[in-house]
Structures are given as C-alpha cells and as structure tokens.
C-alpha cells in the first residue's frame, strides 16, 4: 500500500517491464493523481474514498483463453502477463462521484466500507477463481447467467468510432458481446439504454 502515486497501473507496468514483478504482485494506493480508466479517461477519487489497486497475473493458459470480459476493469497485456487495474467507489458521497450514473458502496448501503478488508476479501476470492481458471475451468455459462446486459438495448462506444446501438443477445466463447445484428463487441463502453 502506498499513500500517493500517479497510477498503480503505471507503477506495476514499470516493475513488470524491469522484470521485478512476479505473478500475483499487487500495488494499492490511498490516492492516485493520474489514475486512468477506459478509453483514456481519467479516474479520480478523493483520498481514502476508493479501493484503488492493480495486480499482475502471468497465466499459464494459452493467450487465446485470455479474451474474457470482466465488468469495468482495465486490463493491460504486458509481455507474458496482464495487469488488471481496479477502482472501486467505496466511501464516496454523491458530490464526489465522477458521473451521475455512478454510485459507491456507502451510497448503496453496504456495511463493509473498510478498504483493507475489501482488498483482502477480493484477492482471496480471486486466488481461488484464478486457480480454477488456470486448471481449465470454464466460467462462460455462469457469466451469461449473471449478465445484466443480455436482453437489453445498449449503446457501444469505441474510441475513434461512431457509437453503435442494438440489442445484446449473446456472449461468444471468447467473451465478446454479440448484438442482434451480429456485431461483436470485443472492446468498448457498453451503456444500457432505457
């Protein structure tokens, strides 16, 4: 845990590139001055209001198995591994939220707002799921069952392209979201339309 950093993602990438980081390494921060999110957006959170961390994984499984969707996480392939950056709004109030559609655990009424406990719980659960995945487990059907996107009308925003609207009808074996017209979404922001 560091008090202040520009970006946990950048810090961990530097360690990976210098061959210092090992699979499973985690950097967590109290505050990021230059956190980043999807589509080169900045990710800002007041100090001590969010759980901010990045972790490095070096899967033994084939790279073709890596293309799975993980809701809202920033994943960056580096060499033979991947750095997963995660920002969780924990104690933010409505004024501190980055966009009107965001929320926090506090606003949702959670009783667990201890970021250290949340990080430990997350990493323990991830360790178990990651070990299953490394052993060949397939989580695709479970992902389909819990998806709040399937069956909904969505707008897909991809950097440098016009937004695409359609009904989300399936998830491919590689984790791509499939729209009714056959368009496959491998990367982009998916916004639920009313």
Protein backbone atom coordinates (compact mmCIF):
# COMPACT_ATOMS: atom_id res chain seq x y z
CA UNK A 1 0.00 0.00 0.00
CA UNK A 2 1.34 3.40 -1.00
CA UNK A 3 -0.10 6.72 0.16
CA UNK A 4 0.25 8.54 -3.16
CA UNK A 5 1.05 7.51 -6.72
CA UNK A 6 0.29 8.77 -10.18
CA UNK A 7 -1.18 5.40 -11.18
CA UNK A 8 -1.00 1.90 -9.70
CA UNK A 9 -1.29 0.58 -13.27
CA UNK A 10 1.76 2.55 -14.45
CA UNK A 11 3.77 1.67 -11.33
CA UNK A 12 3.13 -2.03 -11.78
CA UNK A 13 3.84 -1.86 -15.53
CA UNK A 14 7.26 -0.36 -14.76
CA UNK A 15 8.00 -3.26 -12.38
CA UNK A 16 6.85 -5.81 -14.97
CA UNK A 17 8.92 -4.19 -17.72
CA UNK A 18 12.02 -4.24 -15.49
CA UNK A 19 11.36 -7.96 -14.67
CA UNK A 20 10.91 -7.18 -10.96
CA UNK A 21 7.21 -8.07 -10.62
CA UNK A 22 6.06 -11.66 -10.16
CA UNK A 23 2.63 -13.07 -10.91
CA UNK A 24 0.30 -12.15 -8.07
CA UNK A 25 2.03 -8.85 -7.20
CA UNK A 26 -0.38 -6.10 -6.09
CA UNK A 27 0.05 -2.34 -5.71
CA UNK A 28 -2.68 -0.50 -3.80
CA UNK A 29 -2.88 3.25 -3.20
CA UNK A 30 -4.67 5.66 -0.91
CA UNK A 31 -4.74 8.22 -3.74
CA UNK A 32 -3.88 8.31 -7.46
CA UNK A 33 -3.08 11.66 -9.06
CA UNK A 34 -3.28 10.32 -12.63
CA UNK A 35 -5.47 7.21 -12.45
CA UNK A 36 -6.87 6.12 -15.76
CA UNK A 37 -9.93 4.28 -16.92
CA UNK A 38 -11.35 3.02 -20.18
CA UNK A 39 -10.98 4.95 -23.43
CA UNK A 40 -8.11 7.04 -21.98
CA UNK A 41 -10.44 8.68 -19.46
CA UNK A 42 -9.05 9.85 -16.15
CA UNK A 43 -10.18 8.07 -12.99
CA UNK A 44 -10.42 10.36 -10.00
CA UNK A 45 -11.42 9.67 -6.43
CA UNK A 46 -10.85 11.73 -3.27
CA UNK A 47 -8.15 10.33 -0.94
CA UNK A 48 -9.27 7.32 1.11
CA UNK A 49 -12.67 7.11 -0.63
CA UNK A 50 -11.99 4.29 -3.09
CA UNK A 51 -10.20 0.97 -3.25
CA UNK A 52 -7.51 1.55 -5.90
CA UNK A 53 -5.21 -1.28 -6.90
CA UNK A 54 -3.57 -3.11 -9.77
CA UNK A 55 -2.44 -6.71 -9.84
CA UNK A 56 -0.15 -8.63 -12.19
CA UNK A 57 -1.10 -12.08 -13.44
CA UNK A 58 1.01 -14.33 -15.64
CA UNK A 59 -1.43 -17.03 -16.79
CA UNK A 60 -0.17 -20.46 -17.77
CA UNK A 61 -3.16 -20.93 -20.07
CA UNK A 62 -2.98 -20.07 -23.77
CA UNK A 63 -3.32 -16.41 -24.67
CA UNK A 64 -6.41 -17.21 -26.75
CA UNK A 65 -8.18 -18.04 -23.45
CA UNK A 66 -7.46 -14.56 -22.01
CA UNK A 67 -10.07 -12.62 -24.06
CA UNK A 68 -12.83 -12.71 -21.46
CA UNK A 69 -14.94 -9.75 -20.43
CA UNK A 70 -14.62 -8.55 -16.86
CA UNK A 71 -17.09 -5.82 -15.98
CA UNK A 72 -15.49 -2.39 -15.98
CA UNK A 73 -11.93 -3.42 -15.23
CA UNK A 74 -8.91 -2.04 -17.05
CA UNK A 75 -6.74 -4.91 -18.30
CA UNK A 76 -3.41 -4.26 -19.99
CA UNK A 77 -1.33 -7.02 -21.58
CA UNK A 78 2.36 -6.70 -20.78
CA UNK A 79 4.75 -9.35 -22.08
CA UNK A 80 3.57 -12.77 -20.95
CA UNK A 81 1.14 -11.37 -18.41
CA UNK A 82 -1.68 -8.94 -17.79
CA UNK A 83 -2.07 -6.07 -15.34
CA UNK A 84 -5.61 -5.65 -14.07
CA UNK A 85 -6.42 -2.20 -12.69
CA UNK A 86 -9.44 -1.89 -10.43
CA UNK A 87 -11.09 1.13 -8.88
CA UNK A 88 -13.99 0.56 -6.52
CA UNK A 89 -16.00 3.51 -5.20
CA UNK A 90 -16.22 2.71 -1.51
CA UNK A 91 -16.99 5.76 0.63
CA UNK A 92 -17.73 8.45 -1.95
CA UNK A 93 -20.76 10.66 -1.45
CA UNK A 94 -22.92 11.85 -4.36
CA UNK A 95 -20.90 15.04 -4.90
CA UNK A 96 -17.63 13.10 -5.16
CA UNK A 97 -18.86 10.65 -7.82
CA UNK A 98 -17.29 11.08 -11.28
CA UNK A 99 -20.55 10.78 -13.28
CA UNK A 100 -24.26 10.91 -12.41
CA UNK A 101 -24.74 7.21 -13.16
CA UNK A 102 -22.04 6.12 -10.67
CA UNK A 103 -22.57 5.05 -7.09
CA UNK A 104 -20.49 3.83 -4.16
CA UNK A 105 -20.76 1.04 -1.62
CA UNK A 106 -21.62 3.66 1.02
CA UNK A 107 -24.48 5.07 -1.06
CA UNK A 108 -25.72 1.55 -1.77
CA UNK A 109 -25.96 0.89 1.97
CA UNK A 110 -23.05 -1.52 2.39
CA UNK A 111 -21.91 -2.25 5.94
CA UNK A 112 -18.39 -3.13 4.75
CA UNK A 113 -16.54 0.08 3.90
CA UNK A 114 -13.11 -0.99 5.15
CA UNK A 115 -10.92 -0.86 2.05
CA UNK A 116 -8.26 -3.13 3.54
CA UNK A 117 -10.83 -5.81 4.29
CA UNK A 118 -12.38 -5.41 0.84
CA UNK A 119 -8.98 -5.79 -0.83
CA UNK A 120 -8.11 -8.91 1.19
CA UNK A 121 -11.53 -10.46 0.51
CA UNK A 122 -11.25 -9.68 -3.20
CA UNK A 123 -7.71 -11.08 -3.54
CA UNK A 124 -8.60 -14.26 -1.62
CA UNK A 125 -11.64 -14.88 -3.82
CA UNK A 126 -9.67 -14.06 -6.96
CA UNK A 127 -6.93 -16.50 -5.95
CA UNK A 128 -9.47 -19.32 -5.76
CA UNK A 129 -11.19 -18.43 -9.05
CA UNK A 130 -7.87 -17.87 -10.82
CA UNK A 131 -6.62 -21.30 -9.72
CA UNK A 132 -9.81 -22.89 -11.11
CA UNK A 133 -9.39 -21.00 -14.39
CA UNK A 134 -5.71 -21.99 -14.66
CA UNK A 135 -6.83 -25.62 -14.23
CA UNK A 136 -9.15 -25.28 -17.24
CA UNK A 137 -12.48 -24.31 -15.66
CA UNK A 138 -14.92 -22.50 -17.95
CA UNK A 139 -16.94 -19.67 -16.40
CA UNK A 140 -18.73 -18.59 -19.57
CA UNK A 141 -22.16 -20.05 -18.75
CA UNK A 142 -22.12 -18.54 -15.26
CA UNK A 143 -21.12 -15.20 -16.79
CA UNK A 144 -24.06 -15.42 -19.21
CA UNK A 145 -26.46 -16.22 -16.37
CA UNK A 146 -25.49 -13.23 -14.23
CA UNK A 147 -25.06 -10.71 -17.07
CA UNK A 148 -27.32 -7.68 -16.64
CA UNK A 149 -26.61 -6.72 -20.27
CA UNK A 150 -28.05 -9.68 -22.20
CA UNK A 151 -31.54 -8.96 -23.48
CA UNK A 152 -31.11 -5.20 -23.09
CA UNK A 153 -30.82 -2.45 -25.67
CA UNK A 154 -27.29 -0.99 -25.49
CA UNK A 155 -25.10 1.69 -26.98
CA UNK A 156 -21.48 0.66 -27.58
CA UNK A 157 -18.90 3.45 -27.54
CA UNK A 158 -15.47 2.70 -29.01
CA UNK A 159 -12.70 5.29 -29.18
CA UNK A 160 -12.43 6.66 -32.73
CA UNK A 161 -15.72 5.15 -33.97
CA UNK A 162 -19.34 6.19 -34.07
CA UNK A 163 -21.47 4.68 -31.28
CA UNK A 164 -23.38 1.52 -32.21
CA UNK A 165 -26.83 0.72 -30.81
CA UNK A 166 -28.50 -2.67 -30.68
CA UNK A 167 -29.89 -5.44 -28.51
CA UNK A 168 -27.32 -7.53 -26.63
CA UNK A 169 -28.28 -11.16 -27.32
CA UNK A 170 -25.28 -13.38 -26.58
CA UNK A 171 -21.72 -13.73 -25.32
CA UNK A 172 -19.29 -15.61 -27.56
CA UNK A 173 -16.90 -18.34 -26.40
CA UNK A 174 -14.15 -15.69 -26.44
CA UNK A 175 -16.14 -13.30 -24.23
CA UNK A 176 -17.33 -10.89 -26.95
CA UNK A 177 -20.78 -9.33 -26.55
CA UNK A 178 -22.94 -10.14 -29.60
CA UNK A 179 -25.63 -7.73 -30.77
CA UNK A 180 -28.78 -8.91 -32.59
CA UNK A 181 -27.37 -7.73 -35.97
CA UNK A 182 -24.29 -9.94 -35.43
CA UNK A 183 -21.91 -7.14 -34.42
CA UNK A 184 -19.29 -8.39 -31.94
CA UNK A 185 -18.12 -6.09 -29.15
CA UNK A 186 -14.58 -7.02 -28.06
CA UNK A 187 -13.71 -3.67 -26.52
CA UNK A 188 -15.65 -0.52 -25.69
CA UNK A 189 -18.02 1.06 -23.22
CA UNK A 190 -21.43 -0.60 -23.14
CA UNK A 191 -24.21 1.67 -21.92
CA UNK A 192 -27.67 0.27 -21.12
CA UNK A 193 -30.42 2.23 -22.84
CA UNK A 194 -33.90 2.58 -21.43
